[in-house]
Amino acid sequence: MNLLVHLSYLAPLVAGLVILAGAPARKTAITASLIAAVSSLIVFLSYDRATAGFQFLSSVPLAQVVDWSLGTQLEGTQLGFDGCAGM
C-alpha cells in the first residue's frame, strides 16, 4: 500500500522528467495523471476510519551517511488533500 502513496506524487514528477527527455508530452502526462489518480483513489478507499490516526507510514533512506530519509504518512484530514492532488 505504501507504494501507492509514493506513486501518487512521484508519477507526475517522473513524467515531467520523461517529457524533458523527449517523450510525447500529451500521452506521457495523461498516463502519469491516470496512475496518480488511480493510486490516490485506492489509498483513499483503503483508509480505515475505525482506527483513524496516521496510516500508510513509509520511510525511504536517501543518504545513510548523514541519515537522511524521505518519510510519508497520511492522516484522515490529509487524505482528502492527497486524493485531490492525484486527481
C-alpha atoms as a PDB file:
ATOM      1  CA  MET A   1       0.000   0.000   0.000  1.00  0.00           C
ATOM      2  CA  ASN A   2       2.911   2.352   0.710  1.00  0.00           C
ATOM      3  CA  LEU A   3       3.966   2.058  -2.923  1.00  0.00           C
ATOM      4  CA  LEU A   4       0.632   3.590  -3.936  1.00  0.00           C
ATOM      5  CA  VAL A   5       1.222   6.573  -1.664  1.00  0.00           C
ATOM      6  CA  HIS A   6       4.573   7.162  -3.340  1.00  0.00           C
ATOM      7  CA  LEU A   7       3.077   6.724  -6.806  1.00  0.00           C
ATOM      8  CA  SER A   8       0.525   9.456  -6.173  1.00  0.00           C
ATOM      9  CA  TYR A   9       3.239  12.127  -6.018  1.00  0.00           C
ATOM     10  CA  LEU A  10       6.127  10.505  -7.901  1.00  0.00           C
ATOM     11  CA  ALA A  11       4.232   9.691 -11.112  1.00  0.00           C
ATOM     12  CA  PRO A  12       3.850  13.356 -12.158  1.00  0.00           C
ATOM     13  CA  LEU A  13       7.470  14.114 -11.222  1.00  0.00           C
ATOM     14  CA  VAL A  14       8.837  11.204 -13.227  1.00  0.00           C
ATOM     15  CA  ALA A  15       6.544  12.093 -16.136  1.00  0.00           C
ATOM     16  CA  GLY A  16       7.932  15.617 -16.167  1.00  0.00           C
ATOM     17  CA  LEU A  17      11.478  14.282 -16.390  1.00  0.00           C
ATOM     18  CA  VAL A  18      10.489  11.845 -19.130  1.00  0.00           C
ATOM     19  CA  ILE A  19       8.857  14.675 -21.092  1.00  0.00           C
ATOM     20  CA  LEU A  20      12.012  16.757 -20.715  1.00  0.00           C
ATOM     21  CA  ALA A  21      13.967  13.795 -22.105  1.00  0.00           C
ATOM     22  CA  GLY A  22      11.858  13.900 -25.275  1.00  0.00           C
ATOM     23  CA  ALA A  23       8.841  11.636 -24.785  1.00  0.00           C
ATOM     24  CA  PRO A  24       5.496  12.695 -26.295  1.00  0.00           C
ATOM     25  CA  ALA A  25       4.124  15.191 -23.787  1.00  0.00           C
ATOM     26  CA  ARG A  26       0.383  14.612 -24.020  1.00  0.00           C
ATOM     27  CA  LYS A  27       0.470  10.810 -23.824  1.00  0.00           C
ATOM     28  CA  THR A  28       3.038  10.833 -21.003  1.00  0.00           C
ATOM     29  CA  ALA A  29       1.126  13.432 -18.975  1.00  0.00           C
ATOM     30  CA  ILE A  30      -2.188  11.603 -19.343  1.00  0.00           C
ATOM     31  CA  THR A  31      -0.600   8.299 -18.332  1.00  0.00           C
ATOM     32  CA  ALA A  32       1.039   9.844 -15.263  1.00  0.00           C
ATOM     33  CA  SER A  33      -2.194  11.585 -14.284  1.00  0.00           C
ATOM     34  CA  LEU A  34      -4.144   8.343 -14.518  1.00  0.00           C
ATOM     35  CA  ILE A  35      -1.545   6.493 -12.428  1.00  0.00           C
ATOM     36  CA  ALA A  36      -1.634   9.221  -9.767  1.00  0.00           C
ATOM     37  CA  ALA A  37      -5.432   9.405  -9.739  1.00  0.00           C
ATOM     38  CA  VAL A  38      -5.960   5.650  -9.500  1.00  0.00           C
ATOM     39  CA  SER A  39      -3.345   5.223  -6.775  1.00  0.00           C
ATOM     40  CA  SER A  40      -4.834   8.127  -4.786  1.00  0.00           C
ATOM     41  CA  LEU A  41      -8.315   6.674  -5.120  1.00  0.00           C
ATOM     42  CA  ILE A  42      -7.163   3.238  -3.913  1.00  0.00           C
ATOM     43  CA  VAL A  43      -5.400   4.802  -0.918  1.00  0.00           C
ATOM     44  CA  PHE A  44      -8.476   6.890  -0.136  1.00  0.00           C
ATOM     45  CA  LEU A  45     -10.771   3.854  -0.233  1.00  0.00           C
ATOM     46  CA  SER A  46      -8.327   1.743   1.811  1.00  0.00           C
ATOM     47  CA  TYR A  47      -8.117   4.172   4.721  1.00  0.00           C
ATOM     48  CA  ASP A  48      -9.506   2.560   7.868  1.00  0.00           C
ATOM     49  CA  ARG A  49     -11.704   5.158   9.524  1.00  0.00           C
ATOM     50  CA  ALA A  50     -12.231   2.993  12.622  1.00  0.00           C
ATOM     51  CA  THR A  51      -8.573   3.127  13.672  1.00  0.00           C
ATOM     52  CA  ALA A  52      -8.010   6.664  12.326  1.00  0.00           C
ATOM     53  CA  GLY A  53      -4.693   8.316  13.169  1.00  0.00           C
ATOM     54  CA  PHE A  54      -1.633   8.025  10.973  1.00  0.00           C
ATOM     55  CA  GLN A  55      -1.691   5.199   8.436  1.00  0.00           C
ATOM     56  CA  PHE A  56       0.399   4.194   5.414  1.00  0.00           C
ATOM     57  CA  LEU A  57       3.688   5.078   7.127  1.00  0.00           C
ATOM     58  CA  SER A  58       6.715   4.728   4.900  1.00  0.00           C
ATOM     59  CA  SER A  59      10.362   5.744   5.053  1.00  0.00           C
ATOM     60  CA  VAL A  60      12.859   5.513   2.187  1.00  0.00           C
ATOM     61  CA  PRO A  61      16.537   6.078   3.026  1.00  0.00           C
ATOM     62  CA  LEU A  62      18.175   8.702   0.804  1.00  0.00           C
ATOM     63  CA  ALA A  63      21.691   9.088   2.230  1.00  0.00           C
ATOM     64  CA  GLN A  64      22.714   6.823   5.086  1.00  0.00           C
ATOM     65  CA  VAL A  65      25.961   8.697   5.759  1.00  0.00           C
ATOM     66  CA  VAL A  66      24.024  11.697   7.058  1.00  0.00           C
ATOM     67  CA  ASP A  67      20.896   9.688   7.980  1.00  0.00           C
ATOM     68  CA  TRP A  68      18.530  11.369   5.513  1.00  0.00           C
ATOM     69  CA  SER A  69      15.272   9.666   4.633  1.00  0.00           C
ATOM     70  CA  LEU A  70      12.043  10.515   2.872  1.00  0.00           C
ATOM     71  CA  GLY A  71       9.094   9.756   5.112  1.00  0.00           C
ATOM     72  CA  THR A  72       5.436   9.730   4.164  1.00  0.00           C
ATOM     73  CA  GLN A  73       2.356   9.214   6.268  1.00  0.00           C
ATOM     74  CA  LEU A  74      -1.304  10.009   5.863  1.00  0.00           C
ATOM     75  CA  GLU A  75      -3.848  11.060   8.409  1.00  0.00           C
ATOM     76  CA  GLY A  76      -7.590  11.265   7.855  1.00  0.00           C
ATOM     77  CA  THR A  77      -7.561  15.042   7.382  1.00  0.00           C
ATOM     78  CA  GLN A  78      -4.624  14.864   4.950  1.00  0.00           C
ATOM     79  CA  LEU A  79      -6.090  12.021   2.953  1.00  0.00           C
ATOM     80  CA  GLY A  80      -8.572  14.291   1.217  1.00  0.00           C
ATOM     81  CA  PHE A  81      -5.731  16.520   0.045  1.00  0.00           C
ATOM     82  CA  ASP A  82      -3.751  13.535  -1.270  1.00  0.00           C
ATOM     83  CA  GLY A  83      -6.758  12.408  -3.275  1.00  0.00           C
ATOM     84  CA  CYS A  84      -7.222  15.897  -4.697  1.00  0.00           C
ATOM     85  CA  ALA A  85      -3.537  16.139  -5.600  1.00  0.00           C
ATOM     86  CA  GLY A  86      -3.780  12.970  -7.659  1.00  0.00           C
ATOM     87  CA  MET A  87      -6.927  13.974  -9.481  1.00  0.00           C
END
